[in-house]
C-alpha atoms as a PDB file:
ATOM      1  CA  UNK A   1     -20.370 -35.893  28.091  1.00  0.00           C
ATOM      2  CA  UNK A   2     -21.948 -32.617  27.016  1.00  0.00           C
ATOM      3  CA  UNK A   3     -18.645 -30.994  25.980  1.00  0.00           C
ATOM      4  CA  UNK A   4     -18.129 -33.035  22.758  1.00  0.00           C
ATOM      5  CA  UNK A   5     -21.644 -32.113  21.614  1.00  0.00           C
ATOM      6  CA  UNK A   6     -21.046 -28.421  22.288  1.00  0.00           C
ATOM      7  CA  UNK A   7     -17.704 -28.538  20.434  1.00  0.00           C
ATOM      8  CA  UNK A   8     -19.292 -30.340  17.468  1.00  0.00           C
ATOM      9  CA  UNK A   9     -22.100 -27.780  17.279  1.00  0.00           C
ATOM     10  CA  UNK A  10     -19.618 -24.910  17.487  1.00  0.00           C
ATOM     11  CA  UNK A  11     -17.542 -26.374  14.649  1.00  0.00           C
ATOM     12  CA  UNK A  12     -20.706 -26.945  12.609  1.00  0.00           C
ATOM     13  CA  UNK A  13     -21.711 -23.301  13.074  1.00  0.00           C
ATOM     14  CA  UNK A  14     -18.225 -22.047  12.197  1.00  0.00           C
ATOM     15  CA  UNK A  15     -17.968 -24.006   8.940  1.00  0.00           C
ATOM     16  CA  UNK A  16     -21.449 -22.868   7.936  1.00  0.00           C
ATOM     17  CA  UNK A  17     -20.565 -19.223   8.627  1.00  0.00           C
ATOM     18  CA  UNK A  18     -17.398 -19.631   6.547  1.00  0.00           C
ATOM     19  CA  UNK A  19     -19.446 -21.204   3.745  1.00  0.00           C
ATOM     20  CA  UNK A  20     -22.000 -18.368   3.750  1.00  0.00           C
ATOM     21  CA  UNK A  21     -19.181 -15.800   3.727  1.00  0.00           C
ATOM     22  CA  UNK A  22     -17.513 -17.564   0.798  1.00  0.00           C
ATOM     23  CA  UNK A  23     -20.735 -17.568  -1.243  1.00  0.00           C
ATOM     24  CA  UNK A  24     -21.336 -13.878  -0.426  1.00  0.00           C
ATOM     25  CA  UNK A  25     -17.777 -12.979  -1.398  1.00  0.00           C
ATOM     26  CA  UNK A  26     -17.993 -14.952  -4.635  1.00  0.00           C
ATOM     27  CA  UNK A  27     -21.296 -13.273  -5.527  1.00  0.00           C
ATOM     28  CA  UNK A  28     -19.823  -9.832  -4.885  1.00  0.00           C
ATOM     29  CA  UNK A  29     -16.745 -10.647  -6.945  1.00  0.00           C
ATOM     30  CA  UNK A  30     -18.855 -12.019  -9.807  1.00  0.00           C
ATOM     31  CA  UNK A  31     -20.690  -8.694  -9.993  1.00  0.00           C
ATOM     32  CA  UNK A  32     -17.499  -6.652 -10.140  1.00  0.00           C
ATOM     33  CA  UNK A  33     -15.480  -8.936 -12.407  1.00  0.00           C
ATOM     34  CA  UNK A  34     -12.855  -9.583  -9.737  1.00  0.00           C
ATOM     35  CA  UNK A  35     -11.049 -12.850  -8.998  1.00  0.00           C
ATOM     36  CA  UNK A  36     -13.573 -15.565  -8.067  1.00  0.00           C
ATOM     37  CA  UNK A  37     -13.574 -18.309  -5.468  1.00  0.00           C
ATOM     38  CA  UNK A  38     -13.233 -21.661  -7.278  1.00  0.00           C
ATOM     39  CA  UNK A  39     -16.342 -23.847  -7.330  1.00  0.00           C
ATOM     40  CA  UNK A  40     -14.256 -26.702  -5.967  1.00  0.00           C
ATOM     41  CA  UNK A  41     -13.570 -24.668  -2.820  1.00  0.00           C
ATOM     42  CA  UNK A  42     -17.267 -23.811  -2.379  1.00  0.00           C
ATOM     43  CA  UNK A  43     -18.129 -27.503  -2.770  1.00  0.00           C
ATOM     44  CA  UNK A  44     -15.364 -28.461  -0.335  1.00  0.00           C
ATOM     45  CA  UNK A  45     -16.835 -26.135   2.291  1.00  0.00           C
ATOM     46  CA  UNK A  46     -20.199 -27.829   1.756  1.00  0.00           C
ATOM     47  CA  UNK A  47     -18.628 -31.293   1.951  1.00  0.00           C
ATOM     48  CA  UNK A  48     -16.949 -30.679   5.317  1.00  0.00           C
ATOM     49  CA  UNK A  49     -20.254 -29.709   6.896  1.00  0.00           C
ATOM     50  CA  UNK A  50     -21.278 -26.417   5.342  1.00  0.00           C
ATOM     51  CA  UNK A  51     -24.043 -27.690   3.083  1.00  0.00           C
ATOM     52  CA  UNK A  52     -26.859 -26.039   5.105  1.00  0.00           C
ATOM     53  CA  UNK A  53     -25.008 -22.741   4.813  1.00  0.00           C
ATOM     54  CA  UNK A  54     -24.406 -23.336   1.104  1.00  0.00           C
ATOM     55  CA  UNK A  55     -28.091 -23.923   0.380  1.00  0.00           C
ATOM     56  CA  UNK A  56     -29.097 -20.917   2.468  1.00  0.00           C
ATOM     57  CA  UNK A  57     -26.506 -18.665   0.802  1.00  0.00           C
ATOM     58  CA  UNK A  58     -27.490 -19.818  -2.690  1.00  0.00           C
ATOM     59  CA  UNK A  59     -31.054 -18.717  -2.051  1.00  0.00           C
ATOM     60  CA  UNK A  60     -30.186 -15.581  -0.074  1.00  0.00           C
ATOM     61  CA  UNK A  61     -27.679 -14.219  -2.585  1.00  0.00           C
ATOM     62  CA  UNK A  62     -29.256 -15.830  -5.672  1.00  0.00           C
ATOM     63  CA  UNK A  63     -25.877 -17.231  -6.545  1.00  0.00           C
ATOM     64  CA  UNK A  64     -25.158 -20.451  -8.443  1.00  0.00           C
ATOM     65  CA  UNK A  65     -28.806 -21.450  -8.408  1.00  0.00           C
ATOM     66  CA  UNK A  66     -28.905 -22.763 -11.995  1.00  0.00           C
ATOM     67  CA  UNK A  67     -25.282 -23.560 -12.719  1.00  0.00           C
ATOM     68  CA  UNK A  68     -24.753 -27.213 -13.580  1.00  0.00           C
ATOM     69  CA  UNK A  69     -22.923 -29.386 -12.628  1.00  0.00           C
ATOM     70  CA  UNK A  70     -22.425 -27.310  -9.445  1.00  0.00           C
ATOM     71  CA  UNK A  71     -26.062 -27.674  -8.346  1.00  0.00           C
ATOM     72  CA  UNK A  72     -26.037 -31.447  -8.868  1.00  0.00           C
ATOM     73  CA  UNK A  73     -22.780 -31.858  -6.990  1.00  0.00           C
ATOM     74  CA  UNK A  74     -24.038 -29.778  -4.071  1.00  0.00           C
ATOM     75  CA  UNK A  75     -27.228 -31.833  -3.930  1.00  0.00           C
ATOM     76  CA  UNK A  76     -25.208 -35.064  -4.012  1.00  0.00           C
ATOM     77  CA  UNK A  77     -23.040 -33.842  -1.130  1.00  0.00           C
ATOM     78  CA  UNK A  78     -26.153 -33.009   0.907  1.00  0.00           C
ATOM     79  CA  UNK A  79     -27.744 -36.405   0.184  1.00  0.00           C
ATOM     80  CA  UNK A  80     -24.591 -38.234   1.283  1.00  0.00           C
ATOM     81  CA  UNK A  81     -24.456 -36.162   4.473  1.00  0.00           C
ATOM     82  CA  UNK A  82     -28.114 -36.861   5.271  1.00  0.00           C
ATOM     83  CA  UNK A  83     -27.473 -40.573   4.697  1.00  0.00           C
ATOM     84  CA  UNK A  84     -24.442 -40.524   6.991  1.00  0.00           C
ATOM     85  CA  UNK A  85     -26.294 -38.692   9.758  1.00  0.00           C
ATOM     86  CA  UNK A  86     -29.273 -41.058   9.467  1.00  0.00           C
ATOM     87  CA  UNK A  87     -26.994 -44.076   9.508  1.00  0.00           C
ATOM     88  CA  UNK A  88     -25.126 -42.842  12.566  1.00  0.00           C
ATOM     89  CA  UNK A  89     -28.380 -42.013  14.331  1.00  0.00           C
ATOM     90  CA  UNK A  90     -29.676 -45.521  13.710  1.00  0.00           C
ATOM     91  CA  UNK A  91     -26.377 -47.121  14.702  1.00  0.00           C
ATOM     92  CA  UNK A  92     -26.116 -45.241  17.984  1.00  0.00           C
ATOM     93  CA  UNK A  93     -29.817 -45.519  18.832  1.00  0.00           C
ATOM     94  CA  UNK A  94     -29.500 -49.239  19.533  1.00  0.00           C
END
């Protein structure tokens, strides 16, 4: 019973580490004028569970903090995820 929870937490940590690394790489590349990571890929990482890492990396690296519509899309992804988690918590609590 505990194994699925441990696996889910491990996957959650991995996707968030990948998301943070992607934001750090994109920030570094933006400073040097090198090839950038597409915003769609950064948003995809957030959508598959990396939104906490995305918000942390945005603040830590001061990257994509004012760029619209990226900020709005990231916030929408996070709101949908919070709604899904709350809904699942309510559904499985009863």
